[in-house]
Protein backbone atom coordinates (compact mmCIF):
# COMPACT_ATOMS: atom_id res chain seq x y z
CA UNK A 1 -0.10 -0.35 -0.37
CA UNK A 2 2.58 3.54 -0.85
CA UNK A 3 0.96 6.59 1.60
CA UNK A 4 -1.12 8.55 0.09
CA UNK A 5 -0.43 12.87 -1.13
CA UNK A 6 -1.93 13.89 1.93
CA UNK A 7 -0.22 11.57 4.22
CA UNK A 8 3.21 12.85 3.04
CA UNK A 9 2.37 16.40 3.00
CA UNK A 10 0.85 15.42 6.70
CA UNK A 11 4.23 13.99 7.89
CA UNK A 12 6.08 17.29 6.16
CA UNK A 13 4.37 19.61 8.04
CA UNK A 14 4.61 17.23 11.72
CA UNK A 15 8.76 17.47 10.36
CA UNK A 16 8.98 20.96 9.72
CA UNK A 17 7.51 22.21 12.72
CA UNK A 18 9.61 19.82 14.68
CA UNK A 19 13.06 21.34 12.72
CA UNK A 20 11.44 24.79 13.83
CA UNK A 21 11.67 23.91 16.72
CA UNK A 22 14.80 22.68 17.75
CA UNK A 23 16.70 25.19 16.15
CA UNK A 24 15.13 27.54 17.96
CA UNK A 25 17.87 27.78 20.21
CA UNK A 26 20.03 28.51 17.59
CA UNK A 27 17.86 31.13 15.56
CA UNK A 28 16.99 33.53 18.51
CA UNK A 29 19.55 32.29 22.10
CA UNK A 30 17.26 33.22 25.07
CA UNK A 31 19.33 36.48 27.27
CA UNK A 32 19.67 34.98 30.55
CA UNK A 33 20.36 37.51 33.51
CA UNK A 34 23.83 38.92 34.77
CA UNK A 35 25.36 38.58 38.42
CA UNK A 36 28.05 41.48 37.39
CA UNK A 37 24.80 44.31 37.24
CA UNK A 38 26.10 47.67 38.95
CA UNK A 39 23.73 46.01 41.85
CA UNK A 40 25.79 42.48 42.08
CA UNK A 41 26.32 41.98 46.11
CA UNK A 42 23.86 45.28 46.83
CA UNK A 43 21.90 43.88 50.05
CA UNK A 44 18.19 45.60 50.86
CA UNK A 45 16.18 46.28 53.65
CA UNK A 46 13.20 48.56 54.57
CA UNK A 47 11.19 49.38 57.36
CA UNK A 48 8.22 52.09 57.30
CA UNK A 49 9.25 54.92 55.65
CA UNK A 50 13.15 54.47 55.74
CA UNK A 51 15.87 51.76 53.42
CA UNK A 52 19.32 50.63 54.12
CA UNK A 53 21.16 49.38 51.17
CA UNK A 54 24.61 47.19 52.21
CA UNK A 55 27.17 46.74 49.60
CA UNK A 56 28.34 43.58 50.91
CA UNK A 57 31.42 43.98 48.48
CA UNK A 58 33.32 47.08 49.60
CA UNK A 59 31.42 47.82 53.31
CA UNK A 60 29.51 50.89 52.92
CA UNK A 61 25.88 50.51 54.24
CA UNK A 62 23.61 53.36 52.96
CA UNK A 63 20.60 54.89 54.59
CA UNK A 64 17.51 56.57 52.61
CA UNK A 65 14.63 58.01 54.54
CA UNK A 66 11.47 58.99 52.31
CA UNK A 67 9.74 60.87 55.50
CA UNK A 68 10.61 64.78 55.74
CA UNK A 69 12.56 65.87 55.64
CA UNK A 70 13.77 63.55 52.68
CA UNK A 71 17.59 62.99 53.54
CA UNK A 72 20.18 60.16 51.62
CA UNK A 73 23.26 59.48 54.97
CA UNK A 74 26.31 56.79 54.55
CA UNK A 75 26.70 55.43 57.79
CA UNK A 76 30.41 54.22 57.75
CA UNK A 77 31.77 50.91 56.67
CA UNK A 78 31.88 47.78 58.10
CA UNK A 79 35.13 47.26 58.61
CA UNK A 80 34.17 43.78 61.08
CA UNK A 81 31.19 42.70 62.63
CA UNK A 82 31.13 43.66 66.14
CA UNK A 83 33.54 46.21 65.40
CA UNK A 84 32.32 50.15 65.07
CA UNK A 85 31.04 51.84 61.87
CA UNK A 86 34.68 52.84 60.30
CA UNK A 87 33.72 56.63 58.86
CA UNK A 88 30.40 56.89 59.94
CA UNK A 89 28.69 59.82 59.69
CA UNK A 90 30.46 60.95 55.96
């Protein structure tokens, strides 16, 4: 029994669609998130209208207040755990 034209067409369409699905990563690869951005290593904490940011690379601690008056304050640098901050209030 010979396959008719309809069966050949359907199988060809299925094969072409599978080829498109298989080649999609080669044609347009998905972008990935990079952990090397400008905020990599920055930790965030927010309480009320005040937000704190800690940079794990440099040890700097900043606070931002959105209550009146709005302020940005450099708190200091963490040099060693359990010790006072260095350069506080700069």
